[in-house]
Amino acid sequence: GVSCAMGLLGEITTVLITAEQSKTSIRAAEYTASQMEKIG
């Protein structure tokens, strides 16, 4: 998702990050959000 967002800079402004209830899933969501924020 992060690399795809890079390829579509200026086009995508709504990013939906999916997660389930597991600790690993929530951590992955947090990591994805931080990388998206950094790109922006």
Full PDB file with SEQRES, HELIX, SHEET, SSBOND, CRYST1, ORIGX, SCALE, CONECT and MASTER records, all heavy atoms in Angstrom:
SEQRES   1 A   40  GLY VAL SER CYS ALA MET GLY LEU LEU GLY GLU ILE THR          
SEQRES   2 A   40  THR VAL LEU ILE THR ALA GLU GLN SER LYS THR SER ILE          
SEQRES   3 A   40  ARG ALA ALA GLU TYR THR ALA SER GLN MET GLU LYS ILE          
SEQRES   4 A   40  GLY                                                          
HELIX    1 AA1 VAL A    2  GLY A    7  1                                   6    
HELIX    2 AA2 LYS A   23  ILE A   39  1                                  17    
CRYST1    1.000    1.000    1.000  90.00  90.00  90.00 P 1           1          
ORIGX1      1.000000  0.000000  0.000000        0.00000                         
ORIGX2      0.000000  1.000000  0.000000        0.00000                         
ORIGX3      0.000000  0.000000  1.000000        0.00000                         
SCALE1      1.000000  0.000000  0.000000        0.00000                         
SCALE2      0.000000  1.000000  0.000000        0.00000                         
SCALE3      0.000000  0.000000  1.000000        0.00000                         
ATOM      1  N   GLY A   1       0.799  -1.211   0.000  1.00  0.00           N  
ATOM      2  CA  GLY A   1       0.000   0.000   0.000  1.00  0.00           C  
ATOM      3  C   GLY A   1       0.832   1.261   0.000  1.00  0.00           C  
ATOM      4  O   GLY A   1       0.492   2.250  -0.654  1.00  0.00           O  
ATOM      5  N   VAL A   2       1.964   1.214   0.716  1.00  0.00           N  
ATOM      6  CA  VAL A   2       2.823   2.390   0.808  1.00  0.00           C  
ATOM      7  C   VAL A   2       3.457   2.696  -0.547  1.00  0.00           C  
ATOM      8  O   VAL A   2       3.460   3.841  -1.001  1.00  0.00           O  
ATOM      9  CB  VAL A   2       3.912   2.188   1.882  1.00  0.00           C  
ATOM     10  CG1 VAL A   2       4.905   3.341   1.875  1.00  0.00           C  
ATOM     11  CG2 VAL A   2       3.274   2.051   3.265  1.00  0.00           C  
ATOM     12  N   SER A   3       3.991   1.666  -1.213  1.00  0.00           N  
ATOM     13  CA  SER A   3       4.611   1.889  -2.521  1.00  0.00           C  
ATOM     14  C   SER A   3       3.571   2.321  -3.549  1.00  0.00           C  
ATOM     15  O   SER A   3       3.860   3.146  -4.427  1.00  0.00           O  
ATOM     16  CB  SER A   3       5.337   0.622  -2.994  1.00  0.00           C  
ATOM     17  OG  SER A   3       4.441  -0.466  -3.086  1.00  0.00           O  
ATOM     18  N   CYS A   4       2.362   1.778  -3.445  1.00  0.00           N  
ATOM     19  CA  CYS A   4       1.295   2.174  -4.369  1.00  0.00           C  
ATOM     20  C   CYS A   4       0.906   3.629  -4.140  1.00  0.00           C  
ATOM     21  O   CYS A   4       0.659   4.377  -5.085  1.00  0.00           O  
ATOM     22  CB  CYS A   4       0.088   1.260  -4.181  1.00  0.00           C  
ATOM     23  SG  CYS A   4      -1.107   1.328  -5.526  1.00  0.00           S  
ATOM     24  N   ALA A   5       0.871   4.039  -2.865  1.00  0.00           N  
ATOM     25  CA  ALA A   5       0.578   5.441  -2.546  1.00  0.00           C  
ATOM     26  C   ALA A   5       1.640   6.354  -3.129  1.00  0.00           C  
ATOM     27  O   ALA A   5       1.337   7.445  -3.628  1.00  0.00           O  
ATOM     28  CB  ALA A   5       0.478   5.621  -1.036  1.00  0.00           C  
ATOM     29  N   MET A   6       2.895   5.919  -3.085  1.00  0.00           N  
ATOM     30  CA  MET A   6       3.984   6.704  -3.680  1.00  0.00           C  
ATOM     31  C   MET A   6       3.766   6.872  -5.175  1.00  0.00           C  
ATOM     32  O   MET A   6       4.001   7.934  -5.740  1.00  0.00           O  
ATOM     33  CB  MET A   6       5.326   6.009  -3.422  1.00  0.00           C  
ATOM     34  CG  MET A   6       5.874   6.214  -2.028  1.00  0.00           C  
ATOM     35  SD  MET A   6       6.438   7.909  -1.749  1.00  0.00           S  
ATOM     36  CE  MET A   6       7.832   7.985  -2.878  1.00  0.00           C  
ATOM     37  N   GLY A   7       3.308   5.810  -5.831  1.00  0.00           N  
ATOM     38  CA  GLY A   7       3.082   5.864  -7.272  1.00  0.00           C  
ATOM     39  C   GLY A   7       1.878   6.685  -7.667  1.00  0.00           C  
ATOM     40  O   GLY A   7       1.715   7.015  -8.837  1.00  0.00           O  
ATOM     41  N   LEU A   8       1.035   7.018  -6.671  1.00  0.00           N  
ATOM     42  CA  LEU A   8      -0.182   7.783  -6.959  1.00  0.00           C  
ATOM     43  C   LEU A   8      -0.229   9.085  -6.166  1.00  0.00           C  
ATOM     44  O   LEU A   8      -1.307   9.592  -5.867  1.00  0.00           O  
ATOM     45  CB  LEU A   8      -1.418   6.933  -6.629  1.00  0.00           C  
ATOM     46  CG  LEU A   8      -1.679   5.767  -7.588  1.00  0.00           C  
ATOM     47  CD1 LEU A   8      -2.674   4.796  -6.991  1.00  0.00           C  
ATOM     48  CD2 LEU A   8      -2.173   6.276  -8.932  1.00  0.00           C  
ATOM     49  N   LEU A   9       0.932   9.630  -5.847  1.00  0.00           N  
ATOM     50  CA  LEU A   9       0.986  10.879  -5.094  1.00  0.00           C  
ATOM     51  C   LEU A   9       0.209  11.975  -5.812  1.00  0.00           C  
ATOM     52  O   LEU A   9       0.320  12.147  -7.022  1.00  0.00           O  
ATOM     53  CB  LEU A   9       2.435  11.324  -4.903  1.00  0.00           C  
ATOM     54  CG  LEU A   9       3.187  10.695  -3.736  1.00  0.00           C  
ATOM     55  CD1 LEU A   9       4.639  11.133  -3.737  1.00  0.00           C  
ATOM     56  CD2 LEU A   9       2.537  11.042  -2.407  1.00  0.00           C  
ATOM     57  N   GLY A  10      -0.570  12.692  -5.041  1.00  0.00           N  
ATOM     58  CA  GLY A  10      -1.370  13.759  -5.616  1.00  0.00           C  
ATOM     59  C   GLY A  10      -2.723  13.309  -6.100  1.00  0.00           C  
ATOM     60  O   GLY A  10      -3.583  14.137  -6.416  1.00  0.00           O  
ATOM     61  N   GLU A  11      -2.930  11.995  -6.179  1.00  0.00           N  
ATOM     62  CA  GLU A  11      -4.209  11.440  -6.625  1.00  0.00           C  
ATOM     63  C   GLU A  11      -5.016  10.901  -5.448  1.00  0.00           C  
ATOM     64  O   GLU A  11      -6.228  11.089  -5.378  1.00  0.00           O  
ATOM     65  CB  GLU A  11      -3.979  10.312  -7.640  1.00  0.00           C  
ATOM     66  CG  GLU A  11      -3.230  10.728  -8.890  1.00  0.00           C  
ATOM     67  CD  GLU A  11      -4.055  11.616  -9.814  1.00  0.00           C  
ATOM     68  OE1 GLU A  11      -5.269  11.749  -9.594  1.00  0.00           O  
ATOM     69  OE2 GLU A  11      -3.469  12.174 -10.760  1.00  0.00           O  
ATOM     70  N   ILE A  12      -4.338  10.210  -4.530  1.00  0.00           N  
ATOM     71  CA  ILE A  12      -5.010   9.561  -3.412  1.00  0.00           C  
ATOM     72  C   ILE A  12      -4.930  10.439  -2.167  1.00  0.00           C  
ATOM     73  O   ILE A  12      -3.846  10.826  -1.735  1.00  0.00           O  
ATOM     74  CB  ILE A  12      -4.357   8.199  -3.091  1.00  0.00           C  
ATOM     75  CG1 ILE A  12      -4.432   7.282  -4.309  1.00  0.00           C  
ATOM     76  CG2 ILE A  12      -5.020   7.559  -1.878  1.00  0.00           C  
ATOM     77  CD1 ILE A  12      -5.822   6.939  -4.752  1.00  0.00           C  
ATOM     78  N   THR A  13      -6.078  10.764  -1.606  1.00  0.00           N  
ATOM     79  CA  THR A  13      -6.074  11.486  -0.335  1.00  0.00           C  
ATOM     80  C   THR A  13      -6.853  10.746   0.746  1.00  0.00           C  
ATOM     81  O   THR A  13      -6.863  11.171   1.897  1.00  0.00           O  
ATOM     82  CB  THR A  13      -6.689  12.899  -0.492  1.00  0.00           C  
ATOM     83  OG1 THR A  13      -8.002  12.785  -1.000  1.00  0.00           O  
ATOM     84  CG2 THR A  13      -5.834  13.755  -1.403  1.00  0.00           C  
ATOM     85  N   THR A  14      -7.521   9.666   0.374  1.00  0.00           N  
ATOM     86  CA  THR A  14      -8.232   8.864   1.364  1.00  0.00           C  
ATOM     87  C   THR A  14      -7.600   7.484   1.421  1.00  0.00           C  
ATOM     88  O   THR A  14      -7.634   6.743   0.437  1.00  0.00           O  
ATOM     89  CB  THR A  14      -9.725   8.731   1.019  1.00  0.00           C  
ATOM     90  OG1 THR A  14     -10.305  10.029   0.932  1.00  0.00           O  
ATOM     91  CG2 THR A  14     -10.452   7.923   2.079  1.00  0.00           C  
ATOM     92  N   VAL A  15      -6.992   7.180   2.553  1.00  0.00           N  
ATOM     93  CA  VAL A  15      -6.372   5.877   2.760  1.00  0.00           C  
ATOM     94  C   VAL A  15      -7.131   5.165   3.867  1.00  0.00           C  
ATOM     95  O   VAL A  15      -7.239   5.674   4.978  1.00  0.00           O  
ATOM     96  CB  VAL A  15      -4.886   6.009   3.146  1.00  0.00           C  
ATOM     97  CG1 VAL A  15      -4.275   4.634   3.408  1.00  0.00           C  
ATOM     98  CG2 VAL A  15      -4.110   6.740   2.063  1.00  0.00           C  
ATOM     99  N   LEU A  16      -7.664   3.996   3.555  1.00  0.00           N  
ATOM    100  CA  LEU A  16      -8.347   3.178   4.547  1.00  0.00           C  
ATOM    101  C   LEU A  16      -7.424   2.039   4.950  1.00  0.00           C  
ATOM    102  O   LEU A  16      -7.031   1.221   4.108  1.00  0.00           O  
ATOM    103  CB  LEU A  16      -9.651   2.629   3.980  1.00  0.00           C  
ATOM    104  CG  LEU A  16     -10.695   3.664   3.555  1.00  0.00           C  
ATOM    105  CD1 LEU A  16     -11.940   2.964   3.020  1.00  0.00           C  
ATOM    106  CD2 LEU A  16     -11.058   4.594   4.703  1.00  0.00           C  
ATOM    107  N   ILE A  17      -7.060   2.003   6.214  1.00  0.00           N  
ATOM    108  CA  ILE A  17      -6.155   0.973   6.718  1.00  0.00           C  
ATOM    109  C   ILE A  17      -6.980  -0.053   7.478  1.00  0.00           C  
ATOM    110  O   ILE A  17      -7.662   0.275   8.449  1.00  0.00           O  
ATOM    111  CB  ILE A  17      -5.076   1.589   7.624  1.00  0.00           C  
ATOM    112  CG1 ILE A  17      -4.239   2.594   6.811  1.00  0.00           C  
ATOM    113  CG2 ILE A  17      -4.184   0.504   8.214  1.00  0.00           C  
ATOM    114  CD1 ILE A  17      -3.190   3.317   7.614  1.00  0.00           C  
ATOM    115  N   THR A  18      -6.930  -1.293   7.023  1.00  0.00           N  
ATOM    116  CA  THR A  18      -7.727  -2.351   7.636  1.00  0.00           C  
ATOM    117  C   THR A  18      -6.934  -3.061   8.721  1.00  0.00           C  
ATOM    118  O   THR A  18      -5.715  -3.227   8.619  1.00  0.00           O  
ATOM    119  CB  THR A  18      -8.188  -3.379   6.594  1.00  0.00           C  
ATOM    120  OG1 THR A  18      -7.044  -3.983   5.971  1.00  0.00           O  
ATOM    121  CG2 THR A  18      -9.041  -2.710   5.521  1.00  0.00           C  
ATOM    122  N   ALA A  19      -7.653  -3.488   9.758  1.00  0.00           N  
ATOM    123  CA  ALA A  19      -7.023  -4.232  10.852  1.00  0.00           C  
ATOM    124  C   ALA A  19      -8.048  -5.115  11.526  1.00  0.00           C  
ATOM    125  O   ALA A  19      -9.240  -4.782  11.576  1.00  0.00           O  
ATOM    126  CB  ALA A  19      -6.403  -3.275  11.866  1.00  0.00           C  
ATOM    127  N   GLU A  20      -7.583  -6.249  12.030  1.00  0.00           N  
ATOM    128  CA  GLU A  20      -8.411  -7.104  12.870  1.00  0.00           C  
ATOM    129  C   GLU A  20      -7.986  -6.915  14.323  1.00  0.00           C  
ATOM    130  O   GLU A  20      -7.177  -6.037  14.627  1.00  0.00           O  
ATOM    131  CB  GLU A  20      -8.294  -8.556  12.407  1.00  0.00           C  
ATOM    132  CG  GLU A  20      -8.849  -8.749  10.991  1.00  0.00           C  
ATOM    133  CD  GLU A  20      -8.829 -10.189  10.526  1.00  0.00           C  
ATOM    134  OE1 GLU A  20      -8.224 -11.042  11.232  1.00  0.00           O  
ATOM    135  OE2 GLU A  20      -9.410 -10.480   9.462  1.00  0.00           O  
ATOM    136  N   GLN A  21      -8.487  -7.737  15.222  1.00  0.00           N  
ATOM    137  CA  GLN A  21      -8.287  -7.493  16.650  1.00  0.00           C  
ATOM    138  C   GLN A  21      -6.975  -8.020  17.210  1.00  0.00           C  
ATOM    139  O   GLN A  21      -6.683  -7.785  18.376  1.00  0.00           O  
ATOM    140  CB  GLN A  21      -9.460  -8.103  17.435  1.00  0.00           C  
ATOM    141  CG  GLN A  21     -10.761  -7.343  17.288  1.00  0.00           C  
ATOM    142  CD  GLN A  21     -11.949  -8.174  17.693  1.00  0.00           C  
ATOM    143  OE1 GLN A  21     -12.322  -9.107  16.997  1.00  0.00           O  
ATOM    144  NE2 GLN A  21     -12.557  -7.841  18.823  1.00  0.00           N  
ATOM    145  N   SER A  22      -6.181  -8.715  16.420  1.00  0.00           N  
ATOM    146  CA  SER A  22      -4.929  -9.263  16.924  1.00  0.00           C  
ATOM    147  C   SER A  22      -3.899  -8.159  17.141  1.00  0.00           C  
ATOM    148  O   SER A  22      -3.931  -7.109  16.482  1.00  0.00           O  
ATOM    149  CB  SER A  22      -4.365 -10.296  15.949  1.00  0.00           C  
ATOM    150  OG  SER A  22      -3.937  -9.666  14.754  1.00  0.00           O  
ATOM    151  N   LYS A  23      -2.970  -8.390  18.056  1.00  0.00           N  
ATOM    152  CA  LYS A  23      -1.927  -7.415  18.346  1.00  0.00           C  
ATOM    153  C   LYS A  23      -1.049  -7.157  17.129  1.00  0.00           C  
ATOM    154  O   LYS A  23      -0.651  -6.014  16.866  1.00  0.00           O  
ATOM    155  CB  LYS A  23      -1.075  -7.901  19.520  1.00  0.00           C  
ATOM    156  CG  LYS A  23      -1.814  -7.954  20.851  1.00  0.00           C  
ATOM    157  CD  LYS A  23      -0.900  -8.443  21.961  1.00  0.00           C  
ATOM    158  CE  LYS A  23      -1.645  -8.490  23.296  1.00  0.00           C  
ATOM    159  NZ  LYS A  23      -0.780  -9.004  24.391  1.00  0.00           N  
ATOM    160  N   THR A  24      -0.753  -8.219  16.369  1.00  0.00           N  
ATOM    161  CA  THR A  24       0.095  -8.046  15.187  1.00  0.00           C  
ATOM    162  C   THR A  24      -0.612  -7.219  14.121  1.00  0.00           C  
ATOM    163  O   THR A  24       0.018  -6.418  13.423  1.00  0.00           O  
ATOM    164  CB  THR A  24       0.482  -9.414  14.596  1.00  0.00           C  
ATOM    165  OG1 THR A  24      -0.709 -10.180  14.323  1.00  0.00           O  
ATOM    166  CG2 THR A  24       1.355 -10.186  15.569  1.00  0.00           C  
ATOM    167  N   SER A  25      -1.920  -7.401  13.993  1.00  0.00           N  
ATOM    168  CA  SER A  25      -2.689  -6.644  13.006  1.00  0.00           C  
ATOM    169  C   SER A  25      -2.748  -5.167  13.379  1.00  0.00           C  
ATOM    170  O   SER A  25      -2.596  -4.290  12.521  1.00  0.00           O  
ATOM    171  CB  SER A  25      -4.100  -7.223  12.893  1.00  0.00           C  
ATOM    172  OG  SER A  25      -4.875  -6.488  11.963  1.00  0.00           O  
ATOM    173  N   ILE A  26      -2.970  -4.895  14.650  1.00  0.00           N  
ATOM    174  CA  ILE A  26      -3.031  -3.503  15.107  1.00  0.00           C  
ATOM    175  C   ILE A  26      -1.675  -2.834  14.942  1.00  0.00           C  
ATOM    176  O   ILE A  26      -1.584  -1.682  14.520  1.00  0.00           O  
ATOM    177  CB  ILE A  26      -3.499  -3.439  16.572  1.00  0.00           C  
ATOM    178  CG1 ILE A  26      -4.908  -4.020  16.707  1.00  0.00           C  
ATOM    179  CG2 ILE A  26      -3.485  -2.002  17.079  1.00  0.00           C  
ATOM    180  CD1 ILE A  26      -5.358  -4.206  18.135  1.00  0.00           C  
ATOM    181  N   ARG A  27      -0.603  -3.571  15.251  1.00  0.00           N  
ATOM    182  CA  ARG A  27       0.743  -3.014  15.071  1.00  0.00           C  
ATOM    183  C   ARG A  27       1.011  -2.722  13.595  1.00  0.00           C  
ATOM    184  O   ARG A  27       1.609  -1.693  13.251  1.00  0.00           O  
ATOM    185  CB  ARG A  27       1.793  -3.980  15.609  1.00  0.00           C  
ATOM    186  CG  ARG A  27       3.224  -3.497  15.401  1.00  0.00           C  
ATOM    187  CD  ARG A  27       4.224  -4.424  16.029  1.00  0.00           C  
ATOM    188  NE  ARG A  27       4.173  -4.360  17.486  1.00  0.00           N  
ATOM    189  CZ  ARG A  27       4.950  -5.093  18.296  1.00  0.00           C  
ATOM    190  NH1 ARG A  27       5.811  -5.950  17.764  1.00  0.00           N  
ATOM    191  NH2 ARG A  27       4.843  -4.967  19.594  1.00  0.00           N  
ATOM    192  N   ALA A  28       0.555  -3.611  12.710  1.00  0.00           N  
ATOM    193  CA  ALA A  28       0.737  -3.391  11.276  1.00  0.00           C  
ATOM    194  C   ALA A  28      -0.015  -2.147  10.817  1.00  0.00           C  
ATOM    195  O   ALA A  28       0.470  -1.385   9.972  1.00  0.00           O  
ATOM    196  CB  ALA A  28       0.260  -4.616  10.496  1.00  0.00           C  
ATOM    197  N   ALA A  29      -1.203  -1.931  11.383  1.00  0.00           N  
ATOM    198  CA  ALA A  29      -1.981  -0.740  11.032  1.00  0.00           C  
ATOM    199  C   ALA A  29      -1.251   0.521  11.479  1.00  0.00           C  
ATOM    200  O   ALA A  29      -1.189   1.515  10.745  1.00  0.00           O  
ATOM    201  CB  ALA A  29      -3.360  -0.804  11.684  1.00  0.00           C  
ATOM    202  N   GLU A  30      -0.693   0.476  12.675  1.00  0.00           N  
ATOM    203  CA  GLU A  30       0.053   1.633  13.190  1.00  0.00           C  
ATOM    204  C   GLU A  30       1.269   1.925  12.314  1.00  0.00           C  
ATOM    205  O   GLU A  30       1.559   3.080  11.979  1.00  0.00           O  
ATOM    206  CB  GLU A  30       0.493   1.365  14.625  1.00  0.00           C  
ATOM    207  CG  GLU A  30       1.208   2.525  15.283  1.00  0.00           C  
ATOM    208  CD  GLU A  30       1.590   2.229  16.720  1.00  0.00           C  
ATOM    209  OE1 GLU A  30       1.450   1.074  17.160  1.00  0.00           O  
ATOM    210  OE2 GLU A  30       2.049   3.164  17.394  1.00  0.00           O  
ATOM    211  N   TYR A  31       1.976   0.864  11.919  1.00  0.00           N  
ATOM    212  CA  TYR A  31       3.156   1.033  11.065  1.00  0.00           C  
ATOM    213  C   TYR A  31       2.755   1.609   9.701  1.00  0.00           C  
ATOM    214  O   TYR A  31       3.399   2.549   9.197  1.00  0.00           O  
ATOM    215  CB  TYR A  31       3.851  -0.314  10.866  1.00  0.00           C  
ATOM    216  CG  TYR A  31       4.961  -0.269   9.844  1.00  0.00           C  
ATOM    217  CD1 TYR A  31       6.208   0.272  10.166  1.00  0.00           C  
ATOM    218  CD2 TYR A  31       4.755  -0.744   8.548  1.00  0.00           C  
ATOM    219  CE1 TYR A  31       7.224   0.325   9.217  1.00  0.00           C  
ATOM    220  CE2 TYR A  31       5.770  -0.688   7.603  1.00  0.00           C  
ATOM    221  CZ  TYR A  31       6.991  -0.149   7.944  1.00  0.00           C  
ATOM    222  OH  TYR A  31       7.995  -0.085   7.001  1.00  0.00           O  
ATOM    223  N   THR A  32       1.700   1.069   9.112  1.00  0.00           N  
ATOM    224  CA  THR A  32       1.237   1.559   7.810  1.00  0.00           C  
ATOM    225  C   THR A  32       0.870   3.030   7.885  1.00  0.00           C  
ATOM    226  O   THR A  32       1.223   3.831   7.012  1.00  0.00           O  
ATOM    227  CB  THR A  32       0.032   0.747   7.324  1.00  0.00           C  
ATOM    228  OG1 THR A  32       0.360  -0.644   7.316  1.00  0.00           O  
ATOM    229  CG2 THR A  32      -0.380   1.172   5.922  1.00  0.00           C  
ATOM    230  N   ALA A  33       0.161   3.396   8.955  1.00  0.00           N  
ATOM    231  CA  ALA A  33      -0.248   4.793   9.128  1.00  0.00           C  
ATOM    232  C   ALA A  33       0.963   5.716   9.242  1.00  0.00           C  
ATOM    233  O   ALA A  33       0.980   6.803   8.658  1.00  0.00           O  
ATOM    234  CB  ALA A  33      -1.133   4.927  10.361  1.00  0.00           C  
ATOM    235  N   SER A  34       1.983   5.282   9.972  1.00  0.00           N  
ATOM    236  CA  SER A  34       3.173   6.126  10.138  1.00  0.00           C  
ATOM    237  C   SER A  34       3.912   6.302   8.819  1.00  0.00           C  
ATOM    238  O   SER A  34       4.413   7.397   8.522  1.00  0.00           O  
ATOM    239  CB  SER A  34       4.111   5.516  11.192  1.00  0.00           C  
ATOM    240  OG  SER A  34       4.655   4.286  10.749  1.00  0.00           O  
ATOM    241  N   GLN A  35       3.971   5.235   8.008  1.00  0.00           N  
ATOM    242  CA  GLN A  35       4.638   5.333   6.710  1.00  0.00           C  
ATOM    243  C   GLN A  35       3.862   6.222   5.746  1.00  0.00           C  
ATOM    244  O   GLN A  35       4.449   7.012   4.992  1.00  0.00           O  
ATOM    245  CB  GLN A  35       4.816   3.929   6.116  1.00  0.00           C  
ATOM    246  CG  GLN A  35       5.775   3.047   6.881  1.00  0.00           C  
ATOM    247  CD  GLN A  35       7.163   3.630   6.960  1.00  0.00           C  
ATOM    248  OE1 GLN A  35       7.804   3.878   5.934  1.00  0.00           O  
ATOM    249  NE2 GLN A  35       7.654   3.884   8.158  1.00  0.00           N  
ATOM    250  N   MET A  36       2.537   6.109   5.754  1.00  0.00           N  
ATOM    251  CA  MET A  36       1.701   6.968   4.912  1.00  0.00           C  
ATOM    252  C   MET A  36       1.858   8.428   5.312  1.00  0.00           C  
ATOM    253  O   MET A  36       1.951   9.327   4.453  1.00  0.00           O  
ATOM    254  CB  MET A  36       0.240   6.551   5.019  1.00  0.00           C  
ATOM    255  CG  MET A  36      -0.090   5.219   4.400  1.00  0.00           C  
ATOM    256  SD  MET A  36      -0.023   5.272   2.586  1.00  0.00           S  
ATOM    257  CE  MET A  36      -0.548   3.579   2.222  1.00  0.00           C  
ATOM    258  N   GLU A  37       1.884   8.665   6.616  1.00  0.00           N  
ATOM    259  CA  GLU A  37       2.041  10.041   7.101  1.00  0.00           C  
ATOM    260  C   GLU A  37       3.390  10.605   6.675  1.00  0.00           C  
ATOM    261  O   GLU A  37       3.494  11.770   6.265  1.00  0.00           O  
ATOM    262  CB  GLU A  37       1.912  10.066   8.620  1.00  0.00           C  
ATOM    263  CG  GLU A  37       1.985  11.470   9.207  1.00  0.00           C  
ATOM    264  CD  GLU A  37       1.795  11.479  10.713  1.00  0.00           C  
ATOM    265  OE1 GLU A  37       1.898  10.406  11.340  1.00  0.00           O  
ATOM    266  OE2 GLU A  37       1.565  12.573  11.261  1.00  0.00           O  
ATOM    267  N   LYS A  38       4.416   9.781   6.747  1.00  0.00           N  
ATOM    268  CA  LYS A  38       5.768  10.205   6.340  1.00  0.00           C  
ATOM    269  C   LYS A  38       5.802  10.578   4.859  1.00  0.00           C  
ATOM    270  O   LYS A  38       6.364  11.620   4.478  1.00  0.00           O  
ATOM    271  CB  LYS A  38       6.760   9.071   6.624  1.00  0.00           C  
ATOM    272  CG  LYS A  38       8.195   9.413   6.272  1.00  0.00           C  
ATOM    273  CD  LYS A  38       9.115   8.238   6.587  1.00  0.00           C  
ATOM    274  CE  LYS A  38      10.560   8.546   6.202  1.00  0.00           C  
ATOM    275  NZ  LYS A  38      11.453   7.385   6.483  1.00  0.00           N  
ATOM    276  N   ILE A  39       5.171   9.753   4.028  1.00  0.00           N  
ATOM    277  CA  ILE A  39       5.116  10.037   2.594  1.00  0.00           C  
ATOM    278  C   ILE A  39       4.423  11.373   2.349  1.00  0.00           C  
ATOM    279  O   ILE A  39       4.880  12.206   1.563  1.00  0.00           O  
ATOM    280  CB  ILE A  39       4.366   8.913   1.849  1.00  0.00           C  
ATOM    281  CG1 ILE A  39       5.184   7.636   1.824  1.00  0.00           C  
ATOM    282  CG2 ILE A  39       4.027   9.347   0.419  1.00  0.00           C  
ATOM    283  CD1 ILE A  39       4.419   6.442   1.270  1.00  0.00           C  
ATOM    284  N   GLY A  40       3.295  11.567   3.030  1.00  0.00           N  
ATOM    285  CA  GLY A  40       2.543  12.798   2.839  1.00  0.00           C  
ATOM    286  C   GLY A  40       3.325  14.027   3.237  1.00  0.00           C  
ATOM    287  O   GLY A  40       3.336  15.037   2.518  1.00  0.00           O  
TER     288      GLY A  40                                                      
MASTER        0    0    0    2    0    0    0    6  287    1    0    4          
END                                                                             
